[in-house]
PDB file of N, CA and C in Angstrom:
ATOM      1  N   UNK A   1     -65.966  90.522 -72.255  1.00  0.00           N
ATOM      2  CA  UNK A   1     -64.783  90.244 -71.455  1.00  0.00           C
ATOM      3  C   UNK A   1     -64.785  88.773 -71.055  1.00  0.00           C
ATOM      4  N   UNK A   2     -63.654  88.130 -71.193  1.00  0.00           N
ATOM      5  CA  UNK A   2     -63.556  86.711 -70.857  1.00  0.00           C
ATOM      6  C   UNK A   2     -62.790  86.529 -69.552  1.00  0.00           C
ATOM      7  N   UNK A   3     -62.968  85.355 -68.949  1.00  0.00           N
ATOM      8  CA  UNK A   3     -62.289  85.076 -67.689  1.00  0.00           C
ATOM      9  C   UNK A   3     -60.832  84.689 -67.953  1.00  0.00           C
ATOM     10  N   UNK A   4     -59.972  84.835 -66.947  1.00  0.00           N
ATOM     11  CA  UNK A   4     -58.576  84.438 -67.117  1.00  0.00           C
ATOM     12  C   UNK A   4     -58.426  82.963 -67.476  1.00  0.00           C
ATOM     13  N   UNK A   5     -59.285  82.089 -66.932  1.00  0.00           N
ATOM     14  CA  UNK A   5     -59.207  80.653 -67.252  1.00  0.00           C
ATOM     15  C   UNK A   5     -59.539  80.418 -68.720  1.00  0.00           C
ATOM     16  N   UNK A   6     -60.529  81.131 -69.246  1.00  0.00           N
ATOM     17  CA  UNK A   6     -60.879  80.990 -70.660  1.00  0.00           C
ATOM     18  C   UNK A   6     -59.767  81.517 -71.535  1.00  0.00           C
ATOM     19  N   UNK A   7     -59.165  82.633 -71.149  1.00  0.00           N
ATOM     20  CA  UNK A   7     -58.038  83.175 -71.900  1.00  0.00           C
ATOM     21  C   UNK A   7     -56.878  82.186 -71.943  1.00  0.00           C
ATOM     22  N   UNK A   8     -56.571  81.562 -70.796  1.00  0.00           N
ATOM     23  CA  UNK A   8     -55.494  80.579 -70.749  1.00  0.00           C
ATOM     24  C   UNK A   8     -55.826  79.377 -71.626  1.00  0.00           C
ATOM     25  N   UNK A   9     -57.058  78.902 -71.569  1.00  0.00           N
ATOM     26  CA  UNK A   9     -57.461  77.757 -72.388  1.00  0.00           C
ATOM     27  C   UNK A   9     -57.366  78.097 -73.873  1.00  0.00           C
ATOM     28  N   UNK A  10     -57.733  79.299 -74.252  1.00  0.00           N
ATOM     29  CA  UNK A  10     -57.630  79.719 -75.652  1.00  0.00           C
ATOM     30  C   UNK A  10     -56.179  79.783 -76.091  1.00  0.00           C
ATOM     31  N   UNK A  11     -55.315  80.342 -75.249  1.00  0.00           N
ATOM     32  CA  UNK A  11     -53.874  80.391 -75.535  1.00  0.00           C
ATOM     33  C   UNK A  11     -53.319  78.987 -75.729  1.00  0.00           C
ATOM     34  N   UNK A  12     -53.645  78.089 -74.792  1.00  0.00           N
ATOM     35  CA  UNK A  12     -53.120  76.730 -74.851  1.00  0.00           C
ATOM     36  C   UNK A  12     -53.669  75.971 -76.054  1.00  0.00           C
ATOM     37  N   UNK A  13     -54.915  76.235 -76.441  1.00  0.00           N
ATOM     38  CA  UNK A  13     -55.478  75.580 -77.625  1.00  0.00           C
ATOM     39  C   UNK A  13     -54.674  75.947 -78.855  1.00  0.00           C
ATOM     40  N   UNK A  14     -54.295  77.191 -78.969  1.00  0.00           N
ATOM     41  CA  UNK A  14     -53.475  77.618 -80.112  1.00  0.00           C
ATOM     42  C   UNK A  14     -52.105  76.954 -80.088  1.00  0.00           C
ATOM     43  N   UNK A  15     -51.509  76.850 -78.906  1.00  0.00           N
ATOM     44  CA  UNK A  15     -50.196  76.197 -78.781  1.00  0.00           C
ATOM     45  C   UNK A  15     -50.295  74.731 -79.192  1.00  0.00           C
ATOM     46  N   UNK A  16     -51.319  74.031 -78.691  1.00  0.00           N
ATOM     47  CA  UNK A  16     -51.496  72.601 -78.973  1.00  0.00           C
ATOM     48  C   UNK A  16     -51.742  72.361 -80.456  1.00  0.00           C
ATOM     49  N   UNK A  17     -52.590  73.171 -81.069  1.00  0.00           N
ATOM     50  CA  UNK A  17     -52.932  72.955 -82.467  1.00  0.00           C
ATOM     51  C   UNK A  17     -51.764  73.199 -83.416  1.00  0.00           C
ATOM     52  N   UNK A  18     -50.717  73.890 -82.953  1.00  0.00           N
ATOM     53  CA  UNK A  18     -49.537  74.126 -83.776  1.00  0.00           C
ATOM     54  C   UNK A  18     -48.544  72.964 -83.735  1.00  0.00           C
ATOM     55  N   UNK A  19     -48.727  72.033 -82.827  1.00  0.00           N
ATOM     56  CA  UNK A  19     -47.801  70.907 -82.689  1.00  0.00           C
ATOM     57  C   UNK A  19     -48.017  69.925 -83.846  1.00  0.00           C
ATOM     58  N   UNK A  20     -46.942  69.550 -84.551  1.00  0.00           N
ATOM     59  CA  UNK A  20     -47.089  68.573 -85.631  1.00  0.00           C
ATOM     60  C   UNK A  20     -47.643  67.253 -85.105  1.00  0.00           C
ATOM     61  N   UNK A  21     -48.595  66.688 -85.827  1.00  0.00           N
ATOM     62  CA  UNK A  21     -49.200  65.427 -85.423  1.00  0.00           C
ATOM     63  C   UNK A  21     -50.543  65.578 -84.745  1.00  0.00           C
ATOM     64  N   UNK A  22     -50.891  66.797 -84.320  1.00  0.00           N
ATOM     65  CA  UNK A  22     -52.192  67.036 -83.692  1.00  0.00           C
ATOM     66  C   UNK A  22     -53.205  67.314 -84.794  1.00  0.00           C
ATOM     67  N   UNK A  23     -54.272  66.505 -84.827  1.00  0.00           N
ATOM     68  CA  UNK A  23     -55.333  66.735 -85.800  1.00  0.00           C
ATOM     69  C   UNK A  23     -56.258  67.839 -85.286  1.00  0.00           C
ATOM     70  N   UNK A  24     -56.739  67.685 -84.039  1.00  0.00           N
ATOM     71  CA  UNK A  24     -57.594  68.692 -83.421  1.00  0.00           C
ATOM     72  C   UNK A  24     -57.794  68.330 -81.962  1.00  0.00           C
ATOM     73  N   UNK A  25     -58.301  69.289 -81.192  1.00  0.00           N
ATOM     74  CA  UNK A  25     -58.656  69.026 -79.799  1.00  0.00           C
ATOM     75  C   UNK A  25     -59.935  68.200 -79.783  1.00  0.00           C
ATOM     76  N   UNK A  26     -60.039  67.309 -78.819  1.00  0.00           N
ATOM     77  CA  UNK A  26     -61.229  66.465 -78.719  1.00  0.00           C
ATOM     78  C   UNK A  26     -62.444  67.345 -78.482  1.00  0.00           C
ATOM     79  N   UNK A  27     -63.515  67.114 -79.232  1.00  0.00           N
ATOM     80  CA  UNK A  27     -64.703  67.962 -79.074  1.00  0.00           C
ATOM     81  C   UNK A  27     -65.422  67.670 -77.767  1.00  0.00           C
ATOM     82  N   UNK A  28     -66.056  68.691 -77.238  1.00  0.00           N
ATOM     83  CA  UNK A  28     -66.837  68.538 -76.021  1.00  0.00           C
ATOM     84  C   UNK A  28     -68.238  68.045 -76.331  1.00  0.00           C
ATOM     85  N   UNK A  29     -69.014  67.865 -75.310  1.00  0.00           N
ATOM     86  CA  UNK A  29     -70.356  67.309 -75.461  1.00  0.00           C
ATOM     87  C   UNK A  29     -71.260  68.233 -76.275  1.00  0.00           C
ATOM     88  N   UNK A  30     -71.126  69.547 -76.123  1.00  0.00           N
ATOM     89  CA  UNK A  30     -71.962  70.472 -76.898  1.00  0.00           C
ATOM     90  C   UNK A  30     -71.731  70.309 -78.394  1.00  0.00           C
ATOM     91  N   UNK A  31     -70.472  70.243 -78.787  1.00  0.00           N
ATOM     92  CA  UNK A  31     -70.150  70.105 -80.211  1.00  0.00           C
ATOM     93  C   UNK A  31     -70.645  68.755 -80.728  1.00  0.00           C
ATOM     94  N   UNK A  32     -70.519  67.714 -79.916  1.00  0.00           N
ATOM     95  CA  UNK A  32     -71.004  66.389 -80.341  1.00  0.00           C
ATOM     96  C   UNK A  32     -72.514  66.398 -80.538  1.00  0.00           C
ATOM     97  N   UNK A  33     -73.235  67.002 -79.600  1.00  0.00           N
ATOM     98  CA  UNK A  33     -74.683  67.065 -79.718  1.00  0.00           C
ATOM     99  C   UNK A  33     -75.106  67.908 -80.919  1.00  0.00           C
ATOM    100  N   UNK A  34     -74.389  68.993 -81.173  1.00  0.00           N
ATOM    101  CA  UNK A  34     -74.704  69.818 -82.331  1.00  0.00           C
ATOM    102  C   UNK A  34     -74.554  69.029 -83.620  1.00  0.00           C
ATOM    103  N   UNK A  35     -73.494  68.211 -83.697  1.00  0.00           N
ATOM    104  CA  UNK A  35     -73.273  67.441 -84.921  1.00  0.00           C
ATOM    105  C   UNK A  35     -74.348  66.368 -85.098  1.00  0.00           C
ATOM    106  N   UNK A  36     -74.865  65.818 -84.000  1.00  0.00           N
ATOM    107  CA  UNK A  36     -75.925  64.819 -84.090  1.00  0.00           C
ATOM    108  C   UNK A  36     -77.259  65.420 -84.539  1.00  0.00           C
ATOM    109  N   UNK A  37     -77.522  66.640 -84.109  1.00  0.00           N
ATOM    110  CA  UNK A  37     -78.789  67.268 -84.458  1.00  0.00           C
ATOM    111  C   UNK A  37     -78.739  67.995 -85.787  1.00  0.00           C
ATOM    112  N   UNK A  38     -77.558  68.133 -86.354  1.00  0.00           N
ATOM    113  CA  UNK A  38     -77.416  68.826 -87.633  1.00  0.00           C
ATOM    114  C   UNK A  38     -77.347  70.329 -87.494  1.00  0.00           C
ATOM    115  N   UNK A  39     -77.291  70.827 -86.269  1.00  0.00           N
ATOM    116  CA  UNK A  39     -77.187  72.275 -86.059  1.00  0.00           C
ATOM    117  C   UNK A  39     -75.807  72.743 -86.474  1.00  0.00           C
ATOM    118  N   UNK A  40     -75.731  73.951 -86.955  1.00  0.00           N
ATOM    119  CA  UNK A  40     -74.439  74.471 -87.394  1.00  0.00           C
ATOM    120  C   UNK A  40     -73.575  74.803 -86.179  1.00  0.00           C
ATOM    121  N   UNK A  41     -72.272  74.661 -86.364  1.00  0.00           N
ATOM    122  CA  UNK A  41     -71.313  74.982 -85.320  1.00  0.00           C
ATOM    123  C   UNK A  41     -70.868  76.423 -85.522  1.00  0.00           C
ATOM    124  N   UNK A  42     -70.954  77.238 -84.480  1.00  0.00           N
ATOM    125  CA  UNK A  42     -70.546  78.634 -84.655  1.00  0.00           C
ATOM    126  C   UNK A  42     -69.048  78.726 -84.927  1.00  0.00           C
ATOM    127  N   UNK A  43     -68.724  79.372 -86.010  1.00  0.00           N
ATOM    128  CA  UNK A  43     -67.314  79.574 -86.345  1.00  0.00           C
ATOM    129  C   UNK A  43     -66.903  80.937 -85.826  1.00  0.00           C
ATOM    130  N   UNK A  44     -65.706  81.009 -85.337  1.00  0.00           N
ATOM    131  CA  UNK A  44     -65.208  82.274 -84.829  1.00  0.00           C
ATOM    132  C   UNK A  44     -63.705  82.275 -84.826  1.00  0.00           C
ATOM    133  N   UNK A  45     -63.111  83.367 -84.384  1.00  0.00           N
ATOM    134  CA  UNK A  45     -61.660  83.466 -84.403  1.00  0.00           C
ATOM    135  C   UNK A  45     -60.980  82.616 -83.338  1.00  0.00           C
ATOM    136  N   UNK A  46     -61.727  82.160 -82.325  1.00  0.00           N
ATOM    137  CA  UNK A  46     -61.110  81.375 -81.265  1.00  0.00           C
ATOM    138  C   UNK A  46     -61.304  79.890 -81.530  1.00  0.00           C
ATOM    139  N   UNK A  47     -60.306  79.080 -81.193  1.00  0.00           N
ATOM    140  CA  UNK A  47     -60.423  77.633 -81.395  1.00  0.00           C
ATOM    141  C   UNK A  47     -61.376  77.011 -80.385  1.00  0.00           C
ATOM    142  N   UNK A  48     -61.792  75.771 -80.670  1.00  0.00           N
ATOM    143  CA  UNK A  48     -62.634  75.037 -79.733  1.00  0.00           C
ATOM    144  C   UNK A  48     -61.766  74.664 -78.537  1.00  0.00           C
ATOM    145  N   UNK A  49     -62.147  75.135 -77.358  1.00  0.00           N
ATOM    146  CA  UNK A  49     -61.312  74.916 -76.169  1.00  0.00           C
ATOM    147  C   UNK A  49     -61.882  73.848 -75.252  1.00  0.00           C
ATOM    148  N   UNK A  50     -62.895  73.112 -75.718  1.00  0.00           N
ATOM    149  CA  UNK A  50     -63.508  72.111 -74.848  1.00  0.00           C
ATOM    150  C   UNK A  50     -62.563  70.958 -74.535  1.00  0.00           C
ATOM    151  N   UNK A  51     -61.508  70.766 -75.316  1.00  0.00           N
ATOM    152  CA  UNK A  51     -60.536  69.709 -75.062  1.00  0.00           C
ATOM    153  C   UNK A  51     -59.482  70.081 -74.028  1.00  0.00           C
ATOM    154  N   UNK A  52     -59.596  71.265 -73.446  1.00  0.00           N
ATOM    155  CA  UNK A  52     -58.612  71.720 -72.456  1.00  0.00           C
ATOM    156  C   UNK A  52     -59.333  72.083 -71.167  1.00  0.00           C
ATOM    157  N   UNK A  53     -58.840  71.523 -70.064  1.00  0.00           N
ATOM    158  CA  UNK A  53     -59.377  71.861 -68.743  1.00  0.00           C
ATOM    159  C   UNK A  53     -58.255  72.404 -67.869  1.00  0.00           C
ATOM    160  N   UNK A  54     -58.606  73.327 -67.007  1.00  0.00           N
ATOM    161  CA  UNK A  54     -57.643  73.887 -66.060  1.00  0.00           C
ATOM    162  C   UNK A  54     -58.256  73.760 -64.675  1.00  0.00           C
ATOM    163  N   UNK A  55     -57.579  73.023 -63.797  1.00  0.00           N
ATOM    164  CA  UNK A  55     -58.047  72.827 -62.422  1.00  0.00           C
ATOM    165  C   UNK A  55     -57.078  73.501 -61.469  1.00  0.00           C
ATOM    166  N   UNK A  56     -57.591  74.140 -60.484  1.00  0.00           N
ATOM    167  CA  UNK A  56     -56.723  74.781 -59.510  1.00  0.00           C
ATOM    168  C   UNK A  56     -56.994  76.270 -59.482  1.00  0.00           C
ATOM    169  N   UNK A  57     -56.181  77.029 -58.869  1.00  0.00           N
ATOM    170  CA  UNK A  57     -54.881  76.650 -58.321  1.00  0.00           C
ATOM    171  C   UNK A  57     -54.985  75.919 -56.984  1.00  0.00           C
ATOM    172  N   UNK A  58     -54.017  75.070 -56.763  1.00  0.00           N
ATOM    173  CA  UNK A  58     -53.903  74.340 -55.509  1.00  0.00           C
ATOM    174  C   UNK A  58     -53.240  75.246 -54.473  1.00  0.00           C
ATOM    175  N   UNK A  59     -53.182  74.825 -53.207  1.00  0.00           N
ATOM    176  CA  UNK A  59     -52.549  75.671 -52.175  1.00  0.00           C
ATOM    177  C   UNK A  59     -51.105  76.064 -52.499  1.00  0.00           C
ATOM    178  N   UNK A  60     -50.391  75.209 -53.246  1.00  0.00           N
ATOM    179  CA  UNK A  60     -49.010  75.554 -53.600  1.00  0.00           C
ATOM    180  C   UNK A  60     -48.916  76.452 -54.830  1.00  0.00           C
ATOM    181  N   UNK A  61     -50.069  76.824 -55.394  1.00  0.00           N
ATOM    182  CA  UNK A  61     -50.080  77.723 -56.546  1.00  0.00           C
ATOM    183  C   UNK A  61     -50.074  77.016 -57.887  1.00  0.00           C
ATOM    184  N   UNK A  62     -49.948  75.705 -57.870  1.00  0.00           N
ATOM    185  CA  UNK A  62     -49.901  74.971 -59.133  1.00  0.00           C
ATOM    186  C   UNK A  62     -51.304  74.666 -59.642  1.00  0.00           C
ATOM    187  N   UNK A  63     -51.393  74.329 -60.915  1.00  0.00           N
ATOM    188  CA  UNK A  63     -52.653  73.949 -61.547  1.00  0.00           C
ATOM    189  C   UNK A  63     -52.445  72.620 -62.263  1.00  0.00           C
ATOM    190  N   UNK A  64     -53.537  71.924 -62.520  1.00  0.00           N
ATOM    191  CA  UNK A  64     -53.496  70.742 -63.368  1.00  0.00           C
ATOM    192  C   UNK A  64     -54.180  71.105 -64.674  1.00  0.00           C
ATOM    193  N   UNK A  65     -53.472  70.915 -65.763  1.00  0.00           N
ATOM    194  CA  UNK A  65     -53.995  71.243 -67.085  1.00  0.00           C
ATOM    195  C   UNK A  65     -54.190  69.942 -67.835  1.00  0.00           C
ATOM    196  N   UNK A  66     -55.427  69.675 -68.206  1.00  0.00           N
ATOM    197  CA  UNK A  66     -55.756  68.470 -68.955  1.00  0.00           C
ATOM    198  C   UNK A  66     -55.983  68.810 -70.420  1.00  0.00           C
ATOM    199  N   UNK A  67     -55.377  68.028 -71.294  1.00  0.00           N
ATOM    200  CA  UNK A  67     -55.521  68.249 -72.733  1.00  0.00           C
ATOM    201  C   UNK A  67     -55.972  66.946 -73.361  1.00  0.00           C
ATOM    202  N   UNK A  68     -57.129  66.983 -74.031  1.00  0.00           N
ATOM    203  CA  UNK A  68     -57.640  65.827 -74.766  1.00  0.00           C
ATOM    204  C   UNK A  68     -57.583  66.173 -76.246  1.00  0.00           C
ATOM    205  N   UNK A  69     -56.935  65.292 -77.021  1.00  0.00           N
ATOM    206  CA  UNK A  69     -56.757  65.596 -78.429  1.00  0.00           C
ATOM    207  C   UNK A  69     -56.854  64.355 -79.296  1.00  0.00           C
ATOM    208  N   UNK A  70     -56.962  64.585 -80.587  1.00  0.00           N
ATOM    209  CA  UNK A  70     -56.977  63.529 -81.590  1.00  0.00           C
ATOM    210  C   UNK A  70     -55.728  63.729 -82.440  1.00  0.00           C
ATOM    211  N   UNK A  71     -54.972  62.645 -82.638  1.00  0.00           N
ATOM    212  CA  UNK A  71     -53.731  62.705 -83.411  1.00  0.00           C
ATOM    213  C   UNK A  71     -53.971  62.356 -84.870  1.00  0.00           C
ATOM    214  N   UNK A  72     -53.006  62.704 -85.683  1.00  0.00           N
ATOM    215  CA  UNK A  72     -53.015  62.284 -87.082  1.00  0.00           C
ATOM    216  C   UNK A  72     -52.530  60.837 -87.130  1.00  0.00           C
ATOM    217  N   UNK A  73     -53.134  60.046 -87.998  1.00  0.00           N
ATOM    218  CA  UNK A  73     -52.819  58.615 -88.071  1.00  0.00           C
ATOM    219  C   UNK A  73     -51.414  58.356 -88.603  1.00  0.00           C
ATOM    220  N   UNK A  74     -50.838  59.290 -89.323  1.00  0.00           N
ATOM    221  CA  UNK A  74     -49.511  59.071 -89.897  1.00  0.00           C
ATOM    222  C   UNK A  74     -48.376  59.421 -88.937  1.00  0.00           C
ATOM    223  N   UNK A  75     -48.695  59.767 -87.693  1.00  0.00           N
ATOM    224  CA  UNK A  75     -47.696  60.105 -86.683  1.00  0.00           C
ATOM    225  C   UNK A  75     -47.787  59.151 -85.505  1.00  0.00           C
ATOM    226  N   UNK A  76     -46.664  58.966 -84.817  1.00  0.00           N
ATOM    227  CA  UNK A  76     -46.684  58.149 -83.607  1.00  0.00           C
ATOM    228  C   UNK A  76     -47.377  58.927 -82.491  1.00  0.00           C
ATOM    229  N   UNK A  77     -48.335  58.281 -81.857  1.00  0.00           N
ATOM    230  CA  UNK A  77     -49.134  58.923 -80.816  1.00  0.00           C
ATOM    231  C   UNK A  77     -48.258  59.367 -79.646  1.00  0.00           C
ATOM    232  N   UNK A  78     -47.354  58.524 -79.219  1.00  0.00           N
ATOM    233  CA  UNK A  78     -46.506  58.853 -78.077  1.00  0.00           C
ATOM    234  C   UNK A  78     -45.645  60.081 -78.367  1.00  0.00           C
ATOM    235  N   UNK A  79     -45.071  60.142 -79.572  1.00  0.00           N
ATOM    236  CA  UNK A  79     -44.255  61.302 -79.930  1.00  0.00           C
ATOM    237  C   UNK A  79     -45.076  62.581 -79.946  1.00  0.00           C
ATOM    238  N   UNK A  80     -46.294  62.491 -80.462  1.00  0.00           N
ATOM    239  CA  UNK A  80     -47.169  63.664 -80.511  1.00  0.00           C
ATOM    240  C   UNK A  80     -47.554  64.110 -79.103  1.00  0.00           C
ATOM    241  N   UNK A  81     -47.923  63.162 -78.245  1.00  0.00           N
ATOM    242  CA  UNK A  81     -48.300  63.509 -76.867  1.00  0.00           C
ATOM    243  C   UNK A  81     -47.131  64.159 -76.130  1.00  0.00           C
ATOM    244  N   UNK A  82     -45.937  63.629 -76.309  1.00  0.00           N
ATOM    245  CA  UNK A  82     -44.760  64.235 -75.666  1.00  0.00           C
ATOM    246  C   UNK A  82     -44.499  65.635 -76.196  1.00  0.00           C
ATOM    247  N   UNK A  83     -44.635  65.812 -77.506  1.00  0.00           N
ATOM    248  CA  UNK A  83     -44.412  67.128 -78.111  1.00  0.00           C
ATOM    249  C   UNK A  83     -45.429  68.145 -77.603  1.00  0.00           C
ATOM    250  N   UNK A  84     -46.670  67.715 -77.426  1.00  0.00           N
ATOM    251  CA  UNK A  84     -47.709  68.610 -76.898  1.00  0.00           C
ATOM    252  C   UNK A  84     -47.358  69.015 -75.473  1.00  0.00           C
ATOM    253  N   UNK A  85     -46.990  68.041 -74.674  1.00  0.00           N
ATOM    254  CA  UNK A  85     -46.659  68.352 -73.276  1.00  0.00           C
ATOM    255  C   UNK A  85     -45.466  69.312 -73.198  1.00  0.00           C
ATOM    256  N   UNK A  86     -44.444  69.063 -74.007  1.00  0.00           N
ATOM    257  CA  UNK A  86     -43.273  69.948 -74.013  1.00  0.00           C
ATOM    258  C   UNK A  86     -43.638  71.355 -74.477  1.00  0.00           C
ATOM    259  N   UNK A  87     -44.497  71.456 -75.494  1.00  0.00           N
ATOM    260  CA  UNK A  87     -44.900  72.772 -75.997  1.00  0.00           C
ATOM    261  C   UNK A  87     -45.686  73.546 -74.941  1.00  0.00           C
ATOM    262  N   UNK A  88     -46.591  72.857 -74.252  1.00  0.00           N
ATOM    263  CA  UNK A  88     -47.389  73.515 -73.213  1.00  0.00           C
ATOM    264  C   UNK A  88     -46.497  73.897 -72.029  1.00  0.00           C
ATOM    265  N   UNK A  89     -45.607  72.995 -71.618  1.00  0.00           N
ATOM    266  CA  UNK A  89     -44.675  73.315 -70.534  1.00  0.00           C
ATOM    267  C   UNK A  89     -43.826  74.533 -70.879  1.00  0.00           C
ATOM    268  N   UNK A  90     -43.330  74.573 -72.120  1.00  0.00           N
ATOM    269  CA  UNK A  90     -42.498  75.704 -72.548  1.00  0.00           C
ATOM    270  C   UNK A  90     -43.311  76.996 -72.552  1.00  0.00           C
ATOM    271  N   UNK A  91     -44.543  76.916 -73.008  1.00  0.00           N
ATOM    272  CA  UNK A  91     -45.392  78.111 -73.032  1.00  0.00           C
ATOM    273  C   UNK A  91     -45.687  78.602 -71.617  1.00  0.00           C
ATOM    274  N   UNK A  92     -46.019  77.684 -70.731  1.00  0.00           N
ATOM    275  CA  UNK A  92     -46.317  78.077 -69.352  1.00  0.00           C
ATOM    276  C   UNK A  92     -45.071  78.547 -68.621  1.00  0.00           C
ATOM    277  N   UNK A  93     -43.939  77.953 -68.942  1.00  0.00           N
ATOM    278  CA  UNK A  93     -42.687  78.376 -68.316  1.00  0.00           C
ATOM    279  C   UNK A  93     -42.340  79.806 -68.668  1.00  0.00           C
ATOM    280  N   UNK A  94     -42.763  80.215 -69.856  1.00  0.00           N
ATOM    281  CA  UNK A  94     -42.497  81.575 -70.281  1.00  0.00           C
ATOM    282  C   UNK A  94     -43.459  82.582 -69.669  1.00  0.00           C
ATOM    283  N   UNK A  95     -44.652  82.123 -69.261  1.00  0.00           N
ATOM    284  CA  UNK A  95     -45.645  83.058 -68.729  1.00  0.00           C
ATOM    285  C   UNK A  95     -45.932  82.860 -67.250  1.00  0.00           C
ATOM    286  N   UNK A  96     -45.765  81.662 -66.724  1.00  0.00           N
ATOM    287  CA  UNK A  96     -46.114  81.379 -65.325  1.00  0.00           C
ATOM    288  C   UNK A  96     -44.979  80.616 -64.641  1.00  0.00           C
ATOM    289  N   UNK A  97     -43.782  81.169 -64.653  1.00  0.00           N
ATOM    290  CA  UNK A  97     -42.621  80.455 -64.132  1.00  0.00           C
ATOM    291  C   UNK A  97     -42.702  80.191 -62.637  1.00  0.00           C
ATOM    292  N   UNK A  98     -43.487  80.981 -61.913  1.00  0.00           N
ATOM    293  CA  UNK A  98     -43.525  80.812 -60.459  1.00  0.00           C
ATOM    294  C   UNK A  98     -44.360  79.617 -60.008  1.00  0.00           C
ATOM    295  N   UNK A  99     -45.206  79.040 -60.876  1.00  0.00           N
ATOM    296  CA  UNK A  99     -46.018  77.896 -60.459  1.00  0.00           C
ATOM    297  C   UNK A  99     -45.737  76.669 -61.326  1.00  0.00           C
ATOM    298  N   UNK A 100     -45.339  75.580 -60.706  1.00  0.00           N
ATOM    299  CA  UNK A 100     -45.051  74.353 -61.461  1.00  0.00           C
ATOM    300  C   UNK A 100     -46.348  73.619 -61.821  1.00  0.00           C
ATOM    301  N   UNK A 101     -46.882  73.905 -62.989  1.00  0.00           N
ATOM    302  CA  UNK A 101     -48.139  73.289 -63.393  1.00  0.00           C
ATOM    303  C   UNK A 101     -47.928  71.854 -63.859  1.00  0.00           C
ATOM    304  N   UNK A 102     -48.962  71.034 -63.653  1.00  0.00           N
ATOM    305  CA  UNK A 102     -48.939  69.641 -64.093  1.00  0.00           C
ATOM    306  C   UNK A 102     -49.747  69.558 -65.379  1.00  0.00           C
ATOM    307  N   UNK A 103     -49.149  68.997 -66.423  1.00  0.00           N
ATOM    308  CA  UNK A 103     -49.819  68.882 -67.723  1.00  0.00           C
ATOM    309  C   UNK A 103     -50.083  67.415 -68.002  1.00  0.00           C
ATOM    310  N   UNK A 104     -51.373  67.072 -68.251  1.00  0.00           N
ATOM    311  CA  UNK A 104     -51.780  65.708 -68.553  1.00  0.00           C
ATOM    312  C   UNK A 104     -52.357  65.700 -69.966  1.00  0.00           C
ATOM    313  N   UNK A 105     -51.724  64.912 -70.851  1.00  0.00           N
ATOM    314  CA  UNK A 105     -52.175  64.824 -72.242  1.00  0.00           C
ATOM    315  C   UNK A 105     -52.837  63.457 -72.446  1.00  0.00           C
ATOM    316  N   UNK A 106     -54.072  63.483 -72.967  1.00  0.00           N
ATOM    317  CA  UNK A 106     -54.811  62.261 -73.267  1.00  0.00           C
ATOM    318  C   UNK A 106     -55.160  62.256 -74.742  1.00  0.00           C
ATOM    319  N   UNK A 107     -54.753  61.202 -75.436  1.00  0.00           N
ATOM    320  CA  UNK A 107     -55.086  61.055 -76.851  1.00  0.00           C
ATOM    321  C   UNK A 107     -56.339  60.199 -76.945  1.00  0.00           C
ATOM    322  N   UNK A 108     -57.397  60.747 -77.542  1.00  0.00           N
ATOM    323  CA  UNK A 108     -58.671  60.059 -77.590  1.00  0.00           C
ATOM    324  C   UNK A 108     -58.925  59.352 -78.913  1.00  0.00           C
ATOM    325  N   UNK A 109     -58.048  59.544 -79.889  1.00  0.00           N
ATOM    326  CA  UNK A 109     -58.242  58.882 -81.171  1.00  0.00           C
ATOM    327  C   UNK A 109     -57.213  59.328 -82.180  1.00  0.00           C
ATOM    328  N   UNK A 110     -57.324  58.758 -83.382  1.00  0.00           N
ATOM    329  CA  UNK A 110     -56.429  59.117 -84.480  1.00  0.00           C
ATOM    330  C   UNK A 110     -57.234  59.145 -85.764  1.00  0.00           C
ATOM    331  N   UNK A 111     -56.923  60.099 -86.625  1.00  0.00           N
ATOM    332  CA  UNK A 111     -57.594  60.213 -87.913  1.00  0.00           C
ATOM    333  C   UNK A 111     -56.574  60.332 -89.021  1.00  0.00           C
TER     334      UNK A 111
END
């Protein structure tokens, strides 16, 4: 059984990865260390969610959702970041309309 925060992060990872121009979510420290040591990365049905953080809820019921991602080099970074934010806002609006969440998108690189 997973926590609601992990479920939300997994949902949002799928939404983000479907946006044109997104190469992948920025890897977390565990994945980076695994790649340095040559250890295999466990593959599974769920995406890597280390690039998504959920903070809150605040007293007003809102949350801050941070998304760190890497864009494709053939796309404009600003357009991709805006598209990601709009996709996440639309997804949250459909599931959590009562809380105005804040979405922060950070592009950490391009490939």
